[in-house]
Amino acid sequence: MPPVSECPEQLQAQMIIVIHPGSLNLRMGRASDLNPIRILHAVARKRRLNGVFYRDSFLPACVERSQELMHEFEECRLQVSHTLQSCLQSDGRRRYATPPQQISAFNRRSTAECIDDNAMDIPVPDKEIIFGDEIINVKSDLAYNLHFPFRKGDLNLHGNVGGSLSAVLADLQAIWEYALSEKMNIKLSDLSQYKAVLVVSDIYNRSHLKELTTMLLIKMGFGSCFLVQDHVAATFGAGLGYACVIDVGDQKTSVSCVEDGISHPSTRVRLEYGGGDVTQTFYYLLQKCAFPYKECDNNNIQDALLLKKLKEDYCHVNLDICGSQEKNFTVKSNKKIVKYTIQLGDECIVAPLALFNTELLNITGKNKTARVQKPSAIQPDSEDCFDSSYIRETGRRSGREQLEPIQGGDGAIITADNQDDDIVVDTLEAERDVKPTDKEFVLPGGQIVGLDQAVIQSIERCPTEELKRKMFSCILVVGGGMKFPEISKWLHNRVSLQIPYLHRTEQLEIVSSNIHGMDPAITSWKGAAIMSCLESAPELWISSMEWKKYGLRILREKAAFMW
C-alpha cells in the first residue's frame, strides 16, 4: 500500500482550502490540516496625506454611562451576586464571598513591580498595507487606518472611509491572499488548481454571498468552491446528526436548530452581543474593585488584547471557587515590563453570566438588536430568474391549468379563476416564508434576551413536536466567546428549568468545550473540512466556468442550504 501521504483522498484534501472568516479572527487551512492557521481578521492601510482618519475598535464600543443605564446594571449585578451566594458548592457547603471593600483595599495598595527595564518596542514596518499580528503594534497616532471587514457576523458596511461594499470586499481579498501566500506558502498564480470551502453565517444576505462567490472564483481565481453555513458545519465537526447550535463569537451570538445537515430557517437568530461585550463588562467590574493598572485604555489595541487575555485566563463559572483569589499579570509600558498583583472575587463569575443576564451588557449599550433570516421574497436579485416570485406565479398558473372546469348543481361553471385558488396558493407561500420577527427576541423596554431564552425560543420554532424534543436533548456550544470553565452546567440548569413539560426528554446534553479535545473555536472549520471530503461533496462544487455561465442560478441549485 502507498504511504498515507500519497493516498488519493489525502492528496485531494491537500488541494482544498477551508476559509472561516470571523469578526475578530480568520481561520484558514487545508482540509488535510489538523488545525487551521489563525490571524487577526483586519487590515491596516496607510492613510493618504490629509486623508480621513478611521479606526475600527478592537472591542465593542462602550456607551455613555447614564444614570438609568447604570442603575439597571447595578440591580442586575446585585441580583446575580445574591444568586451566587445562595448556591452550594459540590460538597454541599454554602458559597461565601469576600467583601468588595476588602478586595478594593488590597488592589489600591498593589504597586507595579518592574521585571524588565529594557524591553524594546517592536518596530512597525513602513508598508502601505499591514496584516496579521503586525497590526497589534500599529499605534493610533501612526498614519494608518484600521479596518475589520467582518463585524457582528456580517460584512462591516458603514458610511465612513473604507465602508463601501467594494472597499470591504477588497479588504477581504487582501487579507485572504496574504494568509494564502505568506502563512500557507501557496502561490496565488496556482489557485486555479485549488478548491475553496467558505464557511458563511447561518443568517445570510444573498447579495453578499453572490459577491463572495465572485471574489473566490473570479477575482482570486480558485478552480471551484462551495458555501456552507457555520451551524451546519459545526454539527459535522462535532459528529452530531442533529443539535440546537449556539455559536458565541467575539461580537455576536447565533442560535439555530440543525437536523441532517439542514438549518431550519425559522429557528435562526443572531444576537448583537458576544465575547467582546463580556470583556468590556469584566473590565468595568475590574475598575469597580480598584484595578491597579490605572493607565489601561480599552480603546488601545494592546490594552484591549490584555483585557481579553485576563478574561480568558481568570473568568469561570466554577461555584467551588469562593472568596478572593490573587492573580498576577504583566504589562509593557514605557519600554518596561511590569508585573501587577490583583485580588479578584466573584467578578470572575459575574462577567460570563452576562450572557444570561443581558443588563450586565449595558456597558456596550442597552438597545442591542436581534436578526432573523429574511424571507427570500424580500431579497430579490436581478440575476435570479427563478426567485420566489417566479415560483409563486408559475405555481399558481400551473395549478389553474391542471384544474378542469366543473359544472355546479345550478349549472354554473366553477373554474380555477376563483379567488379561493389565489388565497390557497398565497397562503402556502406565506406559510413557507413565515419567520419570527426580531422584536420577539427583545424584551419590552429594549433589553435583548439572554442566551437561555434565545435557545428556548429558537427550539420552540421547530416545525414538529418530535423535532423540538430532539433539539432539547442535544445543545451544541461552539465559538471562541464562551470558553469559560463550567459554564455548560449553568446553561444546562437555566434551559432545563424552562423546557415545556410536553417537550421534556430523559436527558438534556450540552456538548461544548473540548469536543474530542478540539478547541470549540475551530469546530465549524473542522466540520467544513470534513464535508469537503465526503463522497457526496462533488455535487456541491461550483466551478469557475459554471459561475461565469450561470451566475446566481447555479448557486441556487447547488447551495448546501435552502436558498
Protein backbone atom coordinates (compact mmCIF):
# COMPACT_ATOMS: atom_id res chain seq x y z
CA MET A 1 0.00 0.00 0.00
CA PRO A 2 1.22 3.54 -0.69
CA PRO A 3 2.07 5.72 2.33
CA VAL A 4 -0.76 7.72 3.82
CA SER A 5 0.61 10.98 2.46
CA GLU A 6 0.20 9.63 -1.09
CA CYS A 7 -3.37 8.33 -0.77
CA PRO A 8 -5.73 9.94 -3.31
CA GLU A 9 -8.05 11.14 -0.54
CA GLN A 10 -5.16 12.82 1.27
CA LEU A 11 -3.89 14.45 -1.91
CA GLN A 12 -7.40 15.70 -2.65
CA ALA A 13 -7.75 17.17 0.85
CA GLN A 14 -4.42 18.99 0.45
CA MET A 15 -5.88 20.86 -2.55
CA ILE A 16 -8.95 22.10 -0.65
CA ILE A 17 -8.70 25.39 1.26
CA VAL A 18 -11.26 25.90 4.06
CA ILE A 19 -11.93 29.56 4.96
CA HIS A 20 -13.80 30.57 8.11
CA PRO A 21 -13.93 34.39 8.46
CA GLY A 22 -14.92 35.91 11.81
CA SER A 23 -15.38 39.33 13.36
CA LEU A 24 -12.02 39.09 15.14
CA ASN A 25 -10.01 36.21 13.64
CA LEU A 26 -9.67 34.50 10.29
CA ARG A 27 -9.21 30.72 10.34
CA MET A 28 -7.85 29.18 7.17
CA GLY A 29 -6.17 25.91 6.28
CA ARG A 30 -6.09 22.88 4.05
CA ALA A 31 -8.78 20.27 4.60
CA SER A 32 -5.96 17.84 5.44
CA ASP A 33 -4.61 20.05 8.25
CA LEU A 34 -5.20 19.14 11.89
CA ASN A 35 -5.76 22.80 12.82
CA PRO A 36 -6.16 25.98 10.75
CA ILE A 37 -3.91 28.99 10.92
CA ARG A 38 -5.41 31.91 12.82
CA ILE A 39 -4.66 35.56 12.14
CA LEU A 40 -6.29 38.83 13.09
CA HIS A 41 -9.05 39.42 10.54
CA ALA A 42 -8.10 43.04 9.93
CA VAL A 43 -6.04 45.24 7.64
CA ALA A 44 -4.20 48.49 8.37
CA ARG A 45 -3.90 50.78 5.36
CA LYS A 46 -1.58 53.80 5.28
CA ARG A 47 -3.59 57.00 5.32
CA ARG A 48 -3.09 59.43 2.49
CA LEU A 49 -1.73 62.87 3.24
CA ASN A 50 -4.54 64.84 4.90
CA GLY A 51 -6.70 61.76 4.49
CA VAL A 52 -9.71 60.89 6.66
CA PHE A 53 -8.91 59.16 9.97
CA TYR A 54 -10.76 55.90 10.62
CA ARG A 55 -10.15 53.00 13.01
CA ASP A 56 -12.48 50.14 13.83
CA SER A 57 -12.35 49.43 17.55
CA PHE A 58 -10.88 46.13 18.71
CA LEU A 59 -13.59 45.70 21.38
CA PRO A 60 -17.27 46.70 21.05
CA ALA A 61 -17.53 50.40 21.84
CA CYS A 62 -18.76 51.44 25.28
CA VAL A 63 -21.70 53.83 25.52
CA GLU A 64 -22.21 56.82 27.76
CA ARG A 65 -22.99 55.58 31.25
CA SER A 66 -26.26 57.28 32.01
CA GLN A 67 -27.79 57.07 35.45
CA GLU A 68 -30.67 54.89 34.25
CA LEU A 69 -28.32 52.53 32.40
CA MET A 70 -26.01 52.03 35.36
CA HIS A 71 -28.93 51.66 37.78
CA GLU A 72 -30.16 48.67 35.75
CA PHE A 73 -26.60 47.31 35.63
CA GLU A 74 -26.15 47.56 39.41
CA GLU A 75 -29.52 45.99 40.12
CA CYS A 76 -28.66 43.05 37.88
CA ARG A 77 -25.15 42.70 39.35
CA LEU A 78 -26.52 42.58 42.89
CA GLN A 79 -29.16 40.06 41.84
CA VAL A 80 -26.52 37.79 40.26
CA SER A 81 -24.28 38.18 43.32
CA HIS A 82 -27.11 37.18 45.65
CA THR A 83 -27.89 34.18 43.45
CA LEU A 84 -24.26 33.06 43.63
CA GLN A 85 -24.22 33.42 47.43
CA SER A 86 -27.30 31.21 47.68
CA CYS A 87 -25.69 28.46 45.58
CA LEU A 88 -23.98 25.42 47.08
CA GLN A 89 -20.55 24.02 46.40
CA SER A 90 -20.17 20.48 45.08
CA ASP A 91 -19.59 19.19 48.65
CA GLY A 92 -22.87 20.73 49.85
CA ARG A 93 -21.39 23.70 51.67
CA ARG A 94 -22.79 27.18 51.03
CA ARG A 95 -20.66 29.51 48.96
CA TYR A 96 -19.05 32.53 50.58
CA ALA A 97 -17.75 35.78 49.11
CA THR A 98 -15.01 38.19 50.19
CA PRO A 99 -16.42 41.71 50.83
CA PRO A 100 -15.75 44.01 47.83
CA GLN A 101 -14.31 46.66 50.15
CA GLN A 102 -11.60 44.24 51.28
CA ILE A 103 -10.68 43.35 47.69
CA SER A 104 -10.60 47.01 46.66
CA ALA A 105 -8.38 47.91 49.63
CA PHE A 106 -5.84 45.23 48.60
CA ASN A 107 -5.83 46.37 44.96
CA ARG A 108 -5.32 50.02 45.91
CA ARG A 109 -2.19 49.04 47.82
CA SER A 110 -0.90 46.95 44.91
CA THR A 111 2.03 48.56 43.09
CA ALA A 112 3.76 47.71 39.83
CA GLU A 113 6.93 45.63 40.08
CA CYS A 114 9.45 46.15 37.27
CA ILE A 115 10.77 42.85 35.95
CA ASP A 116 12.48 44.16 32.77
CA ASP A 117 13.55 47.77 32.23
CA ASN A 118 14.96 47.33 28.74
CA ALA A 119 12.05 45.99 26.67
CA MET A 120 12.35 47.34 23.17
CA ASP A 121 9.30 48.33 21.13
CA ILE A 122 8.66 46.18 18.09
CA PRO A 123 9.07 48.45 15.05
CA VAL A 124 6.16 48.80 12.68
CA PRO A 125 7.24 48.11 9.09
CA ASP A 126 6.82 51.01 6.70
CA LYS A 127 4.32 49.39 4.33
CA GLU A 128 1.26 50.58 2.51
CA ILE A 129 -0.75 47.67 3.94
CA ILE A 130 -0.15 45.73 7.16
CA PHE A 131 -1.77 42.40 8.06
CA GLY A 132 -1.91 39.91 10.90
CA ASP A 133 -0.10 40.27 14.20
CA GLU A 134 1.91 43.25 12.93
CA ILE A 135 -1.30 45.28 13.26
CA ILE A 136 -1.12 44.92 17.06
CA ASN A 137 1.93 47.21 17.12
CA VAL A 138 0.30 49.93 15.00
CA LYS A 139 -0.45 52.73 17.47
CA SER A 140 -3.41 55.05 16.95
CA ASP A 141 -1.11 58.03 16.36
CA LEU A 142 0.50 56.37 13.34
CA ALA A 143 -0.74 57.21 9.85
CA TYR A 144 -2.77 54.01 9.39
CA ASN A 145 -6.49 53.37 9.18
CA LEU A 146 -7.63 50.08 10.72
CA HIS A 147 -10.43 48.07 9.13
CA PHE A 148 -12.17 44.88 10.28
CA PRO A 149 -14.14 43.71 7.21
CA PHE A 150 -16.44 41.50 9.34
CA ARG A 151 -18.41 42.82 12.30
CA LYS A 152 -21.24 41.16 14.22
CA GLY A 153 -21.39 38.22 11.83
CA ASP A 154 -21.79 40.23 8.62
CA LEU A 155 -19.86 42.47 6.24
CA ASN A 156 -18.80 45.66 8.02
CA LEU A 157 -20.55 48.20 5.78
CA HIS A 158 -20.65 51.79 7.03
CA GLY A 159 -20.67 55.37 5.80
CA ASN A 160 -17.05 56.24 6.57
CA VAL A 161 -13.89 55.72 4.54
CA GLY A 162 -13.44 52.05 3.60
CA GLY A 163 -17.04 51.18 4.43
CA SER A 164 -18.47 50.62 0.94
CA LEU A 165 -19.17 47.09 -0.32
CA SER A 166 -16.34 47.26 -2.87
CA ALA A 167 -13.88 48.50 -0.22
CA VAL A 168 -14.84 45.79 2.26
CA LEU A 169 -14.52 43.08 -0.41
CA ALA A 170 -11.11 44.48 -1.39
CA ASP A 171 -10.00 44.24 2.26
CA LEU A 172 -11.24 40.66 2.48
CA GLN A 173 -9.42 39.65 -0.68
CA ALA A 174 -6.21 41.31 0.50
CA ILE A 175 -6.30 39.55 3.91
CA TRP A 176 -7.15 36.14 2.45
CA GLU A 177 -4.46 36.37 -0.22
CA TYR A 178 -1.94 37.39 2.45
CA ALA A 179 -2.88 34.32 4.52
CA LEU A 180 -2.60 32.04 1.48
CA SER A 181 0.75 33.34 0.25
CA GLU A 182 2.54 34.29 3.48
CA LYS A 183 1.12 31.85 6.03
CA MET A 184 0.33 28.81 3.85
CA ASN A 185 3.04 29.27 1.18
CA ILE A 186 0.60 28.91 -1.71
CA LYS A 187 1.35 30.82 -4.89
CA LEU A 188 -1.62 32.94 -5.90
CA SER A 189 -0.96 32.02 -9.53
CA ASP A 190 -1.67 28.36 -8.61
CA LEU A 191 -5.10 28.96 -7.05
CA SER A 192 -6.87 27.59 -10.12
CA GLN A 193 -5.64 24.15 -9.03
CA TYR A 194 -7.25 24.55 -5.59
CA LYS A 195 -10.81 24.33 -4.35
CA ALA A 196 -12.24 26.61 -1.66
CA VAL A 197 -14.85 25.99 1.02
CA LEU A 198 -16.25 29.17 2.56
CA VAL A 199 -18.00 28.99 5.94
CA VAL A 200 -20.78 31.60 5.96
CA SER A 201 -23.16 32.82 8.63
CA ASP A 202 -26.33 30.83 9.26
CA ILE A 203 -28.26 34.10 8.71
CA TYR A 204 -27.09 35.30 5.34
CA ASN A 205 -27.58 38.13 2.88
CA ARG A 206 -27.98 36.61 -0.58
CA SER A 207 -26.35 39.51 -2.43
CA HIS A 208 -23.32 39.27 -0.14
CA LEU A 209 -22.98 35.56 -0.82
CA LYS A 210 -23.04 36.30 -4.53
CA GLU A 211 -20.23 38.84 -4.15
CA LEU A 212 -18.14 36.47 -2.02
CA THR A 213 -18.54 33.66 -4.56
CA THR A 214 -17.49 36.01 -7.35
CA MET A 215 -14.47 37.05 -5.31
CA LEU A 216 -13.36 33.46 -4.76
CA LEU A 217 -13.91 32.18 -8.31
CA ILE A 218 -13.26 35.23 -10.48
CA LYS A 219 -11.08 37.71 -8.58
CA MET A 220 -8.94 35.26 -6.58
CA GLY A 221 -9.11 32.52 -9.21
CA PHE A 222 -9.99 29.34 -7.31
CA GLY A 223 -10.91 26.45 -9.59
CA SER A 224 -14.17 25.76 -7.73
CA CYS A 225 -15.86 26.43 -4.41
CA PHE A 226 -18.93 25.81 -2.30
CA LEU A 227 -20.51 27.59 0.67
CA VAL A 228 -21.62 26.00 3.94
CA GLN A 229 -23.43 27.53 6.91
CA ASP A 230 -21.40 27.68 10.11
CA HIS A 231 -24.00 25.89 12.26
CA VAL A 232 -24.31 23.02 9.78
CA ALA A 233 -20.52 22.73 9.63
CA ALA A 234 -20.42 22.72 13.46
CA THR A 235 -22.61 19.60 13.65
CA PHE A 236 -20.28 17.82 11.20
CA GLY A 237 -17.27 18.93 13.24
CA ALA A 238 -18.85 17.62 16.45
CA GLY A 239 -20.04 14.40 14.81
CA LEU A 240 -23.74 15.06 15.54
CA GLY A 241 -26.72 14.30 13.32
CA TYR A 242 -28.85 17.00 14.95
CA ALA A 243 -28.40 19.74 17.55
CA CYS A 244 -29.52 23.15 18.65
CA VAL A 245 -26.31 25.04 17.86
CA ILE A 246 -25.13 28.01 19.93
CA ASP A 247 -22.23 29.90 18.34
CA VAL A 248 -20.77 32.60 20.60
CA GLY A 249 -18.30 34.72 18.67
CA ASP A 250 -16.48 37.91 19.56
CA GLN A 251 -19.26 40.30 18.57
CA LYS A 252 -22.35 38.14 18.00
CA THR A 253 -24.15 35.11 19.33
CA SER A 254 -26.23 32.97 16.98
CA VAL A 255 -28.65 30.11 17.62
CA SER A 256 -30.37 27.71 15.22
CA CYS A 257 -31.64 24.14 15.05
CA VAL A 258 -29.84 21.79 12.63
CA GLU A 259 -31.06 18.36 11.57
CA ASP A 260 -29.39 16.12 8.97
CA GLY A 261 -27.32 18.96 7.54
CA ILE A 262 -30.22 21.44 7.28
CA SER A 263 -30.54 24.58 9.41
CA HIS A 264 -34.25 25.32 9.82
CA PRO A 265 -34.72 28.96 8.72
CA SER A 266 -37.47 29.78 11.23
CA THR A 267 -35.20 28.83 14.15
CA ARG A 268 -32.29 31.11 13.28
CA VAL A 269 -31.49 34.18 15.35
CA ARG A 270 -28.37 36.33 15.69
CA LEU A 271 -27.98 38.39 18.86
CA GLU A 272 -25.82 41.51 18.93
CA TYR A 273 -23.52 40.51 21.77
CA GLY A 274 -20.55 38.19 22.19
CA GLY A 275 -17.23 37.64 23.90
CA GLY A 276 -16.08 41.21 23.29
CA ASP A 277 -19.06 42.57 25.23
CA VAL A 278 -18.23 40.23 28.12
CA THR A 279 -14.66 41.60 28.05
CA GLN A 280 -15.95 45.17 28.41
CA THR A 281 -18.22 44.10 31.29
CA PHE A 282 -15.30 42.36 33.01
CA TYR A 283 -13.15 45.49 32.61
CA TYR A 284 -15.83 47.62 34.27
CA LEU A 285 -16.05 45.15 37.16
CA LEU A 286 -12.25 45.29 37.48
CA GLN A 287 -12.41 49.07 37.70
CA LYS A 288 -15.03 48.81 40.46
CA CYS A 289 -12.60 46.75 42.54
CA ALA A 290 -9.71 49.23 42.01
CA PHE A 291 -7.90 47.69 39.03
CA PRO A 292 -4.23 48.56 39.76
CA TYR A 293 -3.29 49.16 36.10
CA LYS A 294 -4.70 52.69 36.06
CA GLU A 295 -3.28 53.60 32.64
CA CYS A 296 -5.31 50.86 30.92
CA ASP A 297 -7.14 52.17 27.84
CA ASN A 298 -9.65 49.75 26.34
CA ASN A 299 -9.53 51.71 23.07
CA ASN A 300 -5.83 50.85 22.71
CA ILE A 301 -5.35 47.57 20.86
CA GLN A 302 -2.57 46.30 23.17
CA ASP A 303 -4.63 47.00 26.29
CA ALA A 304 -7.72 45.51 24.65
CA LEU A 305 -5.75 42.32 23.98
CA LEU A 306 -4.60 42.32 27.63
CA LEU A 307 -8.20 42.61 28.87
CA LYS A 308 -9.27 39.80 26.55
CA LYS A 309 -6.48 37.58 27.91
CA LEU A 310 -7.37 38.42 31.54
CA LYS A 311 -10.98 37.44 30.81
CA GLU A 312 -9.95 34.15 29.20
CA ASP A 313 -7.46 33.32 31.98
CA TYR A 314 -9.49 34.36 35.03
CA CYS A 315 -13.21 34.11 34.23
CA HIS A 316 -15.12 30.92 35.01
CA VAL A 317 -18.42 29.64 36.39
CA ASN A 318 -16.94 27.16 38.88
CA LEU A 319 -19.05 27.55 42.02
CA ASP A 320 -16.44 25.70 44.10
CA ILE A 321 -14.08 28.69 43.78
CA CYS A 322 -15.06 31.10 46.55
CA GLY A 323 -13.59 34.18 48.18
CA SER A 324 -10.74 36.26 46.85
CA GLN A 325 -8.00 34.89 44.59
CA GLU A 326 -4.62 36.53 43.99
CA LYS A 327 -3.57 36.77 40.34
CA ASN A 328 -0.58 38.21 38.50
CA PHE A 329 -0.31 39.79 35.07
CA THR A 330 2.36 41.71 33.19
CA VAL A 331 2.14 44.91 31.15
CA LYS A 332 4.63 46.54 28.83
CA SER A 333 4.82 50.28 29.48
CA ASN A 334 7.47 52.85 28.50
CA LYS A 335 9.98 50.18 27.43
CA LYS A 336 9.50 48.40 30.75
CA ILE A 337 7.71 45.18 31.60
CA VAL A 338 5.96 45.48 34.94
CA LYS A 339 4.07 42.93 36.99
CA TYR A 340 0.84 43.65 38.87
CA THR A 341 -0.73 41.58 41.64
CA ILE A 342 -4.51 41.77 41.89
CA GLN A 343 -7.21 40.24 44.04
CA LEU A 344 -10.42 39.06 42.38
CA GLY A 345 -13.67 37.72 43.80
CA ASP A 346 -16.95 36.82 42.16
CA GLU A 347 -16.29 39.35 39.38
CA CYS A 348 -14.76 36.40 37.52
CA ILE A 349 -18.14 34.61 37.60
CA VAL A 350 -20.44 37.61 37.19
CA ALA A 351 -18.88 38.68 33.85
CA PRO A 352 -19.53 35.38 31.97
CA LEU A 353 -23.07 35.27 33.39
CA ALA A 354 -23.77 38.49 31.45
CA LEU A 355 -24.60 36.15 28.55
CA PHE A 356 -27.69 35.12 30.55
CA ASN A 357 -28.34 38.46 32.29
CA THR A 358 -28.03 40.99 29.50
CA GLU A 359 -28.47 44.05 31.74
CA LEU A 360 -24.81 43.41 32.62
CA LEU A 361 -24.02 44.14 28.96
CA ASN A 362 -25.40 47.67 29.24
CA ILE A 363 -21.76 48.82 29.25
CA THR A 364 -21.81 48.40 25.44
CA GLY A 365 -25.40 49.61 25.03
CA LYS A 366 -28.83 48.56 26.13
CA ASN A 367 -30.66 48.61 22.81
CA LYS A 368 -28.89 45.73 21.11
CA THR A 369 -30.60 44.16 18.13
CA ALA A 370 -31.56 40.63 17.12
CA ARG A 371 -31.58 39.49 13.50
CA VAL A 372 -33.60 36.70 11.95
CA GLN A 373 -33.48 35.16 8.47
CA LYS A 374 -35.15 37.37 5.88
CA PRO A 375 -37.58 35.54 3.57
CA SER A 376 -36.31 35.04 0.04
CA ALA A 377 -39.21 37.15 -1.24
CA ILE A 378 -37.64 40.32 0.19
CA GLN A 379 -34.11 39.51 -1.04
CA PRO A 380 -34.65 39.77 -4.82
CA ASP A 381 -31.81 39.77 -7.31
CA SER A 382 -31.96 40.73 -10.98
CA GLU A 383 -29.80 37.72 -11.92
CA ASP A 384 -32.05 35.24 -10.10
CA CYS A 385 -34.67 34.35 -12.71
CA PHE A 386 -36.26 31.65 -10.55
CA ASP A 387 -36.81 33.58 -7.33
CA SER A 388 -39.77 33.09 -5.00
CA SER A 389 -41.98 35.46 -7.03
CA TYR A 390 -41.41 33.42 -10.20
CA ILE A 391 -42.09 30.13 -8.40
CA ARG A 392 -45.28 31.52 -6.85
CA GLU A 393 -46.62 32.82 -10.15
CA THR A 394 -45.77 29.69 -12.15
CA GLY A 395 -47.17 27.52 -9.36
CA ARG A 396 -50.47 29.40 -9.46
CA ARG A 397 -50.58 29.23 -13.28
CA SER A 398 -49.84 25.50 -13.49
CA GLY A 399 -52.40 24.84 -10.79
CA ARG A 400 -55.07 26.62 -12.80
CA GLU A 401 -54.19 24.74 -15.97
CA GLN A 402 -54.47 21.36 -14.28
CA LEU A 403 -57.94 22.02 -12.86
CA GLU A 404 -60.77 21.07 -15.26
CA PRO A 405 -63.91 23.22 -15.25
CA ILE A 406 -66.58 21.62 -13.06
CA GLN A 407 -70.31 22.18 -13.57
CA GLY A 408 -72.12 23.03 -10.34
CA GLY A 409 -75.57 21.86 -9.40
CA ASP A 410 -77.18 25.08 -10.61
CA GLY A 411 -75.43 24.90 -13.97
CA ALA A 412 -72.69 27.40 -13.04
CA ILE A 413 -69.18 26.62 -14.23
CA ILE A 414 -66.59 26.61 -11.41
CA THR A 415 -63.14 27.47 -12.76
CA ALA A 416 -59.68 27.79 -11.28
CA ASP A 417 -60.02 31.55 -11.58
CA ASN A 418 -61.94 31.64 -8.34
CA GLN A 419 -60.42 33.82 -5.69
CA ASP A 420 -60.08 30.82 -3.37
CA ASP A 421 -57.32 29.46 -5.57
CA ASP A 422 -55.22 32.58 -5.15
CA ILE A 423 -55.84 32.51 -1.43
CA VAL A 424 -54.69 28.91 -1.12
CA VAL A 425 -51.50 29.45 -3.13
CA ASP A 426 -50.63 32.68 -1.37
CA THR A 427 -51.31 31.10 1.99
CA LEU A 428 -48.95 28.24 1.22
CA GLU A 429 -46.30 30.70 0.12
CA ALA A 430 -46.86 32.80 3.22
CA GLU A 431 -46.56 29.77 5.48
CA ARG A 432 -43.32 28.79 3.78
CA ASP A 433 -41.87 32.26 4.27
CA VAL A 434 -43.15 32.87 7.81
CA LYS A 435 -40.23 33.88 10.00
CA PRO A 436 -40.00 35.13 13.58
CA THR A 437 -39.58 38.85 13.88
CA ASP A 438 -36.56 40.31 15.59
CA LYS A 439 -38.87 42.01 18.11
CA GLU A 440 -39.69 38.61 19.60
CA PHE A 441 -36.12 38.39 20.90
CA VAL A 442 -36.20 41.83 22.52
CA LEU A 443 -38.00 42.33 25.82
CA PRO A 444 -40.34 45.27 26.48
CA GLY A 445 -38.14 48.25 27.25
CA GLY A 446 -35.50 47.35 24.66
CA GLN A 447 -33.48 44.73 26.60
CA ILE A 448 -32.33 41.83 24.41
CA VAL A 449 -33.00 38.30 25.65
CA GLY A 450 -30.33 36.19 27.33
CA LEU A 451 -28.75 33.09 25.85
CA ASP A 452 -31.02 30.59 27.63
CA GLN A 453 -34.19 32.38 26.50
CA ALA A 454 -32.88 32.57 22.91
CA VAL A 455 -32.34 28.80 22.94
CA ILE A 456 -35.87 28.16 24.22
CA GLN A 457 -37.45 30.46 21.62
CA SER A 458 -35.36 29.03 18.78
CA ILE A 459 -36.33 25.44 19.60
CA GLU A 460 -40.00 26.39 20.04
CA ARG A 461 -39.98 27.48 16.37
CA CYS A 462 -39.13 24.00 15.12
CA PRO A 463 -41.85 22.71 12.75
CA THR A 464 -42.71 19.48 14.64
CA GLU A 465 -43.08 18.39 18.26
CA GLU A 466 -40.73 15.46 17.73
CA LEU A 467 -38.02 17.78 16.41
CA LYS A 468 -38.45 20.06 19.43
CA ARG A 469 -37.87 17.13 21.78
CA LYS A 470 -34.75 16.13 19.82
CA MET A 471 -33.33 19.65 19.99
CA PHE A 472 -33.96 19.93 23.72
CA SER A 473 -31.98 16.69 24.16
CA CYS A 474 -28.82 17.97 22.41
CA ILE A 475 -27.42 21.51 22.56
CA LEU A 476 -24.04 22.16 20.93
CA VAL A 477 -21.93 25.14 22.04
CA VAL A 478 -19.16 26.35 19.69
CA GLY A 479 -17.24 29.54 19.07
CA GLY A 480 -14.45 31.30 20.92
CA GLY A 481 -16.58 33.64 23.06
CA MET A 482 -17.91 31.16 25.63
CA LYS A 483 -14.85 29.18 26.68
CA PHE A 484 -15.44 29.57 30.40
CA PRO A 485 -14.96 26.53 32.69
CA GLU A 486 -18.24 25.07 34.00
CA ILE A 487 -20.48 27.47 32.05
CA SER A 488 -22.12 24.48 30.34
CA LYS A 489 -23.57 23.38 33.68
CA TRP A 490 -25.08 26.82 34.20
CA LEU A 491 -26.59 26.74 30.71
CA HIS A 492 -27.93 23.22 31.37
CA ASN A 493 -29.67 24.33 34.57
CA ARG A 494 -31.11 27.51 33.05
CA VAL A 495 -32.51 25.73 29.98
CA SER A 496 -33.79 22.63 31.80
CA LEU A 497 -35.87 24.80 34.15
CA GLN A 498 -37.66 26.39 31.17
CA ILE A 499 -38.33 23.36 28.95
CA PRO A 500 -42.10 22.94 28.47
CA TYR A 501 -43.41 19.75 30.08
CA LEU A 502 -44.56 18.44 26.68
CA HIS A 503 -41.01 18.54 25.30
CA ARG A 504 -39.08 17.20 28.28
CA THR A 505 -36.75 14.31 27.48
CA GLU A 506 -34.91 11.85 29.63
CA GLN A 507 -31.64 13.67 29.17
CA LEU A 508 -30.57 17.17 28.15
CA GLU A 509 -26.99 17.04 26.89
CA ILE A 510 -24.82 20.13 26.49
CA VAL A 511 -21.97 19.35 24.09
CA SER A 512 -19.41 22.10 24.39
CA SER A 513 -15.74 22.79 25.01
CA ASN A 514 -13.06 20.30 24.09
CA ILE A 515 -15.11 18.07 21.81
CA HIS A 516 -12.69 15.16 21.36
CA GLY A 517 -10.01 17.55 22.63
CA MET A 518 -10.93 20.11 19.95
CA ASP A 519 -10.98 23.86 20.51
CA PRO A 520 -14.67 24.88 20.16
CA ALA A 521 -13.49 27.92 18.18
CA ILE A 522 -12.45 25.66 15.27
CA THR A 523 -15.38 23.19 15.36
CA SER A 524 -17.10 24.82 12.36
CA TRP A 525 -13.83 24.99 10.42
CA LYS A 526 -13.17 21.31 11.09
CA GLY A 527 -16.73 20.39 10.07
CA ALA A 528 -16.37 22.23 6.76
CA ALA A 529 -13.12 20.35 6.12
CA ILE A 530 -14.88 17.04 6.79
CA MET A 531 -17.78 17.98 4.48
CA SER A 532 -15.42 18.83 1.63
CA CYS A 533 -14.05 15.26 1.64
CA LEU A 534 -17.36 13.36 1.75
CA GLU A 535 -18.43 11.15 -1.16
CA SER A 536 -21.37 13.47 -1.82
CA ALA A 537 -19.17 16.60 -1.95
CA PRO A 538 -18.70 16.55 -5.77
CA GLU A 539 -22.36 17.54 -6.12
CA LEU A 540 -21.71 20.76 -4.17
CA TRP A 541 -18.71 22.18 -6.03
CA ILE A 542 -19.34 25.20 -8.26
CA SER A 543 -16.65 25.62 -10.91
CA SER A 544 -15.48 29.00 -12.13
CA MET A 545 -16.80 28.13 -15.61
CA GLU A 546 -20.26 27.34 -14.22
CA TRP A 547 -20.26 30.59 -12.26
CA LYS A 548 -19.32 32.64 -15.32
CA LYS A 549 -22.02 30.94 -17.40
CA TYR A 550 -24.95 30.64 -14.98
CA GLY A 551 -24.15 33.04 -12.12
CA LEU A 552 -26.58 33.09 -9.22
CA ARG A 553 -28.75 30.33 -10.71
CA ILE A 554 -26.09 27.69 -10.14
CA LEU A 555 -25.73 28.79 -6.51
CA ARG A 556 -29.46 28.31 -6.01
CA GLU A 557 -29.25 24.80 -7.49
CA LYS A 558 -26.06 23.65 -5.73
CA ALA A 559 -26.07 25.51 -2.42
CA ALA A 560 -25.84 23.20 0.60
CA PHE A 561 -28.69 25.12 2.27
CA MET A 562 -32.20 26.31 1.41
CA TRP A 563 -31.70 29.32 -0.84
